[in-house]
Amino acid sequence: MAWGKDRIQLDNGMYADAQAPEIISASRSTDIPSFYADWFFARLKKGYSAWTNPFNGVKSYVSYGKTRFIVFWSKNPEKLIPHLDYLKERGINCYIQYTLNDYDDEHLEKGVPKISERIQTFKALVDKLGKGHVIWRFDPLLLTDTIDIELLLKKIEGIADQLVGYTEKLVFSFADILAYKKVKANLEASHINYREWSIPEMDEFAARLSHLNKKWGFTIATCGEKIDLDKYGIAHNRCVDDDLMIRIAWNDPVLMKFLGVEIHEKEYGLFGEDSIPEDAIVIDEGHYAVKKKNNKDKGQRQFCGCIISKDIGEYNTCPHLCEYCYANSSKEAAIRNWQMHKNNPDSDTITGK
């Protein structure tokens, strides 16, 4: 599906056509909340930003004139907190895909704070936004010569025990290294002895995680995985999720119309029973929603369940410098672009170009 268009005035006074998406992803390509929060909210106030297509290098513009919902992705979204009131003022809803891994001892994520600090940030965001607005990701699950299934489960358990009452969901993925040339190259450049997951190992991990989850009661889901783990109560996730958007923003008629959603009041029979369609989304005690169209993003990976959104990030711009990064061709490229941004933070692009 094509987004609508807006005619925008650029910083230099010229005019240009821009995509005008209702749903923004910020971002799969870089950590906007951690490093570019001030830039993003400045651009949101100006009404547009520029985006460079990673495949052909063509620069285009994204208008925020019709934006109704933002999905943030981050490993350290603390810097989002002071900006969240502005979203409320604008009538823009959001949730956060918060990647909260514990690779502290292995030094695989040297650019993020200690796990204890990141857990406190998670809780602060939930206190600000409400439960359900912050989704915990342990992503990716990486096997190396020092990390095995036993250790990964121990790491997850250590975080999960502290997040009970703060999150409803845990999303994970198995590191698929050979499928991503950047990941393979980055790990090998850092001399990390990784190995691929086997199907029996995935199955064992899922079974044991499901058993641990009896004490947490989380919804557990995989991100972009082919393997079916339904027998363990583990679903295929939809990270840009219209069901969650509906539960959060059901009283936004503009967004509901875009998503093809009808909101209904529950009707109760003589004996107090309610009758709603089997595929309805329950919102609260008095309302439910029915989707009338499929919003799946056909441009994503085969096993990705996400709905349509416009990602505004750019590759080679994340200075977390995680050893397994899929978004940076090299640490040097990321640092170079981060420095360009700092030299020109008011640019309409993330890189300052």
Protein backbone atom coordinates (compact mmCIF):
# COMPACT_ATOMS: atom_id res chain seq x y z
CA MET A 1 0.00 0.00 0.00
CA ALA A 2 1.16 3.53 -0.79
CA TRP A 3 1.10 6.24 1.84
CA GLY A 4 -0.67 9.51 1.26
CA LYS A 5 1.29 12.57 0.16
CA ASP A 6 1.88 15.99 1.70
CA ARG A 7 3.38 19.10 0.14
CA ILE A 8 5.96 20.34 2.66
CA GLN A 9 8.21 23.37 3.01
CA LEU A 10 11.84 22.40 3.57
CA ASP A 11 14.27 24.09 5.95
CA ASN A 12 15.75 25.99 2.99
CA GLY A 13 12.36 27.43 2.01
CA MET A 14 11.86 25.20 -1.02
CA TYR A 15 8.83 22.91 -1.39
CA ALA A 16 8.78 19.16 -1.94
CA ASP A 17 6.41 16.19 -1.98
CA ALA A 18 6.65 13.87 1.00
CA GLN A 19 5.24 10.53 2.08
CA ALA A 20 2.70 11.07 4.87
CA PRO A 21 2.46 7.81 6.87
CA GLU A 22 0.03 7.24 9.72
CA ILE A 23 2.41 4.80 11.45
CA ILE A 24 6.13 5.48 12.02
CA SER A 25 8.78 2.93 12.96
CA ALA A 26 11.71 4.52 14.80
CA SER A 27 13.61 2.41 14.04
CA ARG A 28 14.73 -1.05 12.95
CA SER A 29 17.81 0.50 11.34
CA THR A 30 19.30 2.41 14.27
CA ASP A 31 18.60 3.30 17.89
CA ILE A 32 16.76 6.60 17.54
CA PRO A 33 15.59 6.81 21.20
CA SER A 34 19.12 6.34 22.54
CA PHE A 35 21.11 8.55 20.16
CA TYR A 36 18.72 10.64 18.08
CA ALA A 37 15.76 11.40 20.36
CA ASP A 38 16.38 15.16 20.36
CA TRP A 39 16.79 15.14 16.58
CA PHE A 40 13.62 13.12 16.04
CA PHE A 41 11.40 15.28 18.22
CA ALA A 42 12.83 18.45 16.68
CA ARG A 43 11.94 17.06 13.25
CA LEU A 44 8.51 15.99 14.48
CA LYS A 45 7.87 19.59 15.56
CA LYS A 46 9.12 20.88 12.19
CA GLY A 47 6.80 18.43 10.48
CA TYR A 48 9.14 16.34 8.38
CA SER A 49 12.48 14.56 8.09
CA ALA A 50 14.51 13.22 5.19
CA TRP A 51 15.30 9.57 4.57
CA THR A 52 17.87 7.95 2.27
CA ASN A 53 16.92 4.67 0.62
CA PRO A 54 19.63 2.13 1.57
CA PHE A 55 19.30 0.29 -1.75
CA ASN A 56 19.54 3.13 -4.27
CA GLY A 57 20.78 6.10 -2.23
CA VAL A 58 17.82 8.26 -3.24
CA LYS A 59 16.78 10.91 -0.71
CA SER A 60 13.08 11.34 0.01
CA TYR A 61 10.96 13.14 2.57
CA VAL A 62 8.63 11.93 5.29
CA SER A 63 5.88 14.23 6.52
CA TYR A 64 4.56 13.83 10.06
CA GLY A 65 1.36 15.69 9.27
CA LYS A 66 -0.77 12.51 9.36
CA THR A 67 1.22 10.51 11.96
CA ARG A 68 -1.01 8.86 14.55
CA PHE A 69 1.22 6.16 16.05
CA ILE A 70 4.95 5.56 16.59
CA VAL A 71 6.68 2.27 17.36
CA PHE A 72 10.03 2.93 19.01
CA TRP A 73 12.84 0.37 19.05
CA SER A 74 15.73 0.74 21.48
CA LYS A 75 18.28 -0.84 23.81
CA ASN A 76 18.47 2.25 26.00
CA PRO A 77 15.41 4.50 25.58
CA GLU A 78 15.94 6.61 28.70
CA LYS A 79 16.22 9.78 26.59
CA LEU A 80 12.67 9.28 25.34
CA ILE A 81 11.19 9.99 28.76
CA PRO A 82 11.33 13.82 28.68
CA HIS A 83 9.78 13.85 25.19
CA LEU A 84 6.76 11.64 25.83
CA ASP A 85 4.50 14.44 27.04
CA TYR A 86 4.87 16.11 23.65
CA LEU A 87 3.45 13.02 21.94
CA LYS A 88 0.44 13.23 24.23
CA GLU A 89 0.01 16.90 23.34
CA ARG A 90 0.04 15.96 19.64
CA GLY A 91 -2.44 13.10 20.13
CA ILE A 92 0.17 10.59 18.92
CA ASN A 93 0.24 7.22 20.69
CA CYS A 94 3.24 4.93 20.95
CA TYR A 95 4.76 1.81 22.39
CA ILE A 96 8.38 0.71 22.77
CA GLN A 97 10.10 -2.45 21.62
CA TYR A 98 12.77 -2.52 24.34
CA THR A 99 15.67 -4.90 23.67
CA LEU A 100 16.86 -5.84 27.12
CA ASN A 101 19.64 -8.41 26.72
CA ASP A 102 22.17 -9.41 29.34
CA TYR A 103 25.47 -9.81 27.56
CA ASP A 104 27.33 -7.67 30.10
CA ASP A 105 29.89 -10.30 31.10
CA GLU A 106 30.57 -11.24 27.48
CA HIS A 107 31.00 -7.59 26.39
CA LEU A 108 28.85 -8.10 23.31
CA GLU A 109 27.03 -4.79 23.81
CA LYS A 110 29.76 -2.43 24.97
CA GLY A 111 27.81 0.72 24.20
CA VAL A 112 24.82 0.09 26.47
CA PRO A 113 24.58 0.72 30.23
CA LYS A 114 24.68 -2.12 32.73
CA ILE A 115 21.66 -4.41 32.79
CA SER A 116 20.61 -3.12 36.22
CA GLU A 117 20.36 0.45 34.87
CA ARG A 118 18.44 -0.64 31.80
CA ILE A 119 15.92 -2.53 33.92
CA GLN A 120 15.30 0.64 35.93
CA THR A 121 14.73 2.55 32.68
CA PHE A 122 12.24 -0.13 31.62
CA LYS A 123 10.29 0.34 34.83
CA ALA A 124 10.40 4.14 34.54
CA LEU A 125 8.94 3.95 31.03
CA VAL A 126 6.14 1.66 32.19
CA ASP A 127 5.37 4.05 35.04
CA LYS A 128 5.17 6.86 32.47
CA LEU A 129 3.28 5.13 29.66
CA GLY A 130 1.45 2.29 31.38
CA LYS A 131 1.80 -1.48 31.31
CA GLY A 132 1.54 -2.91 27.82
CA HIS A 133 3.32 0.05 26.22
CA VAL A 134 6.80 -1.44 26.77
CA ILE A 135 7.56 -4.85 25.26
CA TRP A 136 10.58 -6.81 26.44
CA ARG A 137 12.82 -8.31 23.77
CA PHE A 138 15.74 -10.64 24.40
CA ASP A 139 17.03 -10.46 20.87
CA PRO A 140 19.04 -12.12 19.50
CA LEU A 141 19.77 -15.29 21.41
CA LEU A 142 23.41 -15.90 20.54
CA LEU A 143 25.35 -19.14 21.02
CA THR A 144 29.14 -18.91 21.33
CA ASP A 145 31.98 -20.87 22.88
CA THR A 146 31.07 -19.22 26.21
CA ILE A 147 27.27 -18.90 25.89
CA ASP A 148 25.07 -22.00 25.88
CA ILE A 149 21.36 -22.65 26.38
CA GLU A 150 21.77 -23.02 30.13
CA LEU A 151 23.39 -19.60 30.45
CA LEU A 152 20.85 -17.89 28.17
CA LEU A 153 17.98 -19.23 30.26
CA LYS A 154 19.71 -18.07 33.42
CA LYS A 155 20.15 -14.59 31.95
CA ILE A 156 16.50 -14.42 30.88
CA GLU A 157 15.32 -15.63 34.28
CA GLY A 158 17.38 -12.95 36.03
CA ILE A 159 15.68 -10.20 34.02
CA ALA A 160 12.20 -11.73 33.99
CA ASP A 161 12.07 -12.04 37.77
CA GLN A 162 12.51 -8.26 37.95
CA LEU A 163 9.99 -7.41 35.22
CA VAL A 164 6.98 -9.25 36.62
CA GLY A 165 4.23 -6.66 36.84
CA TYR A 166 5.96 -4.40 34.31
CA THR A 167 5.59 -6.29 31.05
CA GLU A 168 3.06 -8.57 29.45
CA LYS A 169 5.26 -10.02 26.74
CA LEU A 170 8.70 -11.45 26.01
CA VAL A 171 9.83 -11.55 22.38
CA PHE A 172 12.97 -13.40 21.28
CA SER A 173 14.75 -14.59 18.17
CA PHE A 174 17.47 -17.13 17.51
CA ALA A 175 20.57 -15.55 15.99
CA ASP A 176 20.54 -16.52 12.32
CA ILE A 177 24.09 -15.54 11.51
CA LEU A 178 24.65 -17.07 8.11
CA ALA A 179 21.56 -15.32 6.74
CA TYR A 180 23.01 -11.89 7.55
CA LYS A 181 26.37 -11.10 5.98
CA LYS A 182 26.88 -8.03 8.20
CA VAL A 183 26.34 -10.07 11.38
CA LYS A 184 28.76 -12.78 10.26
CA ALA A 185 31.38 -10.22 9.22
CA ASN A 186 31.07 -8.21 12.44
CA LEU A 187 31.36 -11.27 14.69
CA GLU A 188 34.34 -12.61 12.79
CA ALA A 189 36.06 -9.21 12.81
CA SER A 190 35.81 -9.25 16.62
CA HIS A 191 37.01 -12.89 16.81
CA ILE A 192 33.82 -14.13 18.46
CA ASN A 193 33.38 -17.88 18.15
CA TYR A 194 29.69 -18.11 17.33
CA ARG A 195 27.66 -21.08 16.19
CA GLU A 196 24.28 -21.53 14.57
CA TRP A 197 21.23 -22.87 16.39
CA SER A 198 20.09 -26.37 15.45
CA ILE A 199 16.39 -27.26 15.36
CA PRO A 200 16.72 -29.60 18.39
CA GLU A 201 18.41 -26.80 20.34
CA MET A 202 15.62 -24.36 19.45
CA ASP A 203 13.10 -26.94 20.59
CA GLU A 204 14.91 -27.57 23.86
CA PHE A 205 15.24 -23.86 24.58
CA ALA A 206 11.54 -23.24 23.89
CA ALA A 207 10.45 -26.12 26.13
CA ARG A 208 12.57 -24.94 29.03
CA LEU A 209 11.59 -21.28 28.61
CA SER A 210 7.93 -22.27 28.56
CA HIS A 211 8.43 -24.17 31.81
CA LEU A 212 10.09 -21.14 33.44
CA ASN A 213 7.24 -18.94 32.24
CA LYS A 214 4.82 -20.73 34.55
CA LYS A 215 5.98 -18.40 37.31
CA TRP A 216 5.84 -15.21 35.18
CA GLY A 217 2.78 -15.66 33.00
CA PHE A 218 4.16 -13.65 30.09
CA THR A 219 2.97 -13.95 26.52
CA ILE A 220 6.02 -15.34 24.72
CA ALA A 221 6.59 -14.93 20.99
CA THR A 222 9.33 -15.28 18.39
CA CYS A 223 10.36 -12.55 15.96
CA GLY A 224 10.67 -13.53 12.30
CA GLU A 225 11.24 -17.22 13.03
CA LYS A 226 10.17 -20.03 10.68
CA ILE A 227 10.09 -22.66 13.42
CA ASP A 228 6.65 -23.34 14.91
CA LEU A 229 6.71 -23.46 18.71
CA ASP A 230 2.96 -23.43 19.33
CA LYS A 231 3.14 -26.65 21.33
CA TYR A 232 5.01 -24.67 23.98
CA GLY A 233 2.56 -21.78 23.92
CA ILE A 234 5.02 -19.62 21.97
CA ALA A 235 3.49 -17.63 19.14
CA HIS A 236 4.83 -15.86 16.05
CA ASN A 237 5.10 -12.18 16.93
CA ARG A 238 3.89 -9.07 15.16
CA CYS A 239 6.32 -6.40 16.39
CA VAL A 240 4.57 -3.55 14.56
CA ASP A 241 1.24 -4.79 15.86
CA ASP A 242 -2.18 -3.44 14.90
CA ASP A 243 -3.85 -5.47 17.67
CA LEU A 244 -1.74 -3.67 20.28
CA MET A 245 -2.31 -0.32 18.57
CA ILE A 246 -6.05 -0.93 18.76
CA ARG A 247 -5.92 -1.69 22.48
CA ILE A 248 -3.83 1.43 23.12
CA ALA A 249 -5.46 3.89 20.72
CA TRP A 250 -8.97 2.54 20.09
CA ASN A 251 -10.46 5.97 20.75
CA ASP A 252 -8.47 7.51 17.87
CA PRO A 253 -11.00 7.41 15.01
CA VAL A 254 -8.47 8.50 12.40
CA LEU A 255 -6.10 5.63 13.19
CA MET A 256 -8.95 3.13 13.47
CA LYS A 257 -10.23 4.14 10.04
CA PHE A 258 -6.75 3.74 8.57
CA LEU A 259 -6.40 0.27 10.14
CA GLY A 260 -9.87 -0.74 8.97
CA VAL A 261 -11.22 -1.21 12.48
CA GLU A 262 -14.74 -0.99 13.81
CA ILE A 263 -15.27 -0.33 17.52
CA HIS A 264 -18.36 -1.88 19.12
CA GLU A 265 -19.96 -1.73 22.51
CA LYS A 266 -20.53 -5.09 24.16
CA GLU A 267 -24.14 -6.20 24.37
CA TYR A 268 -25.25 -8.36 27.26
CA GLY A 269 -28.00 -10.97 27.23
CA LEU A 270 -30.70 -11.59 29.78
CA PHE A 271 -28.34 -13.60 31.98
CA GLY A 272 -25.39 -11.23 31.70
CA GLU A 273 -23.47 -13.10 29.00
CA ASP A 274 -21.83 -11.15 26.19
CA SER A 275 -21.57 -12.31 22.63
CA ILE A 276 -18.70 -11.00 20.51
CA PRO A 277 -17.14 -12.37 17.31
CA GLU A 278 -14.49 -15.05 17.79
CA ASP A 279 -11.77 -12.96 16.12
CA ALA A 280 -12.67 -9.73 17.95
CA ILE A 281 -10.08 -7.80 19.97
CA VAL A 282 -11.29 -7.17 23.50
CA ILE A 283 -10.50 -3.60 24.55
CA ASP A 284 -12.12 -3.29 27.96
CA GLU A 285 -15.22 -4.45 29.81
CA GLY A 286 -17.49 -2.45 27.54
CA HIS A 287 -15.86 -2.45 24.10
CA TYR A 288 -14.35 -4.70 21.45
CA ALA A 289 -12.85 -4.14 18.00
CA VAL A 290 -13.23 -5.94 14.68
CA LYS A 291 -10.62 -5.62 11.91
CA LYS A 292 -12.03 -5.45 8.41
CA LYS A 293 -8.75 -5.59 6.48
CA ASN A 294 -5.32 -7.22 6.53
CA ASN A 295 -2.65 -4.63 7.34
CA LYS A 296 0.38 -6.92 6.92
CA ASP A 297 3.49 -5.33 5.45
CA LYS A 298 4.29 -7.42 2.38
CA GLY A 299 7.71 -5.78 2.08
CA GLN A 300 9.10 -7.43 5.23
CA ARG A 301 10.83 -10.80 5.62
CA GLN A 302 8.85 -13.95 4.84
CA PHE A 303 8.16 -14.85 8.47
CA CYS A 304 7.72 -11.30 9.76
CA GLY A 305 4.20 -10.56 10.97
CA CYS A 306 4.50 -6.77 11.15
CA ILE A 307 1.91 -4.47 9.68
CA ILE A 308 2.68 -1.54 7.42
CA SER A 309 4.75 1.32 8.83
CA LYS A 310 7.33 3.78 7.59
CA ASP A 311 10.78 3.26 9.07
CA ILE A 312 12.68 6.55 9.27
CA GLY A 313 16.07 5.26 10.42
CA GLU A 314 19.24 4.72 8.42
CA TYR A 315 21.83 1.96 8.54
CA ASN A 316 25.41 2.56 9.68
CA THR A 317 24.35 5.14 12.28
CA CYS A 318 24.12 3.22 15.59
CA PRO A 319 27.11 3.77 17.93
CA HIS A 320 26.08 1.10 20.42
CA LEU A 321 28.59 -0.98 18.40
CA CYS A 322 27.13 -4.34 19.40
CA GLU A 323 29.35 -7.15 18.20
CA TYR A 324 26.53 -8.97 16.37
CA CYS A 325 25.02 -5.87 14.73
CA TYR A 326 23.06 -6.35 11.50
CA ALA A 327 22.53 -2.61 10.89
CA ASN A 328 26.16 -1.47 10.68
CA SER A 329 28.55 -2.54 7.94
CA SER A 330 31.36 -1.65 10.33
CA LYS A 331 31.94 0.12 13.61
CA GLU A 332 33.98 2.74 11.78
CA ALA A 333 31.08 3.63 9.46
CA ALA A 334 28.69 3.98 12.41
CA ILE A 335 31.10 6.22 14.35
CA ARG A 336 31.76 8.35 11.28
CA ASN A 337 28.04 8.94 10.67
CA TRP A 338 27.39 9.58 14.38
CA GLN A 339 30.09 12.23 14.34
CA MET A 340 28.55 13.84 11.24
CA HIS A 341 25.24 13.98 13.06
CA LYS A 342 26.82 15.68 16.07
CA ASN A 343 28.46 18.22 13.75
CA ASN A 344 25.08 19.03 12.18
CA PRO A 345 22.33 17.99 14.64
CA ASP A 346 19.71 20.27 13.05
CA SER A 347 19.87 18.54 9.67
CA ASP A 348 16.72 16.96 8.25
CA THR A 349 18.62 13.65 8.00
CA ILE A 350 19.98 11.52 10.82
CA THR A 351 23.48 11.60 9.34
CA GLY A 352 23.62 15.37 9.02
CA LYS A 353 24.27 15.14 5.30
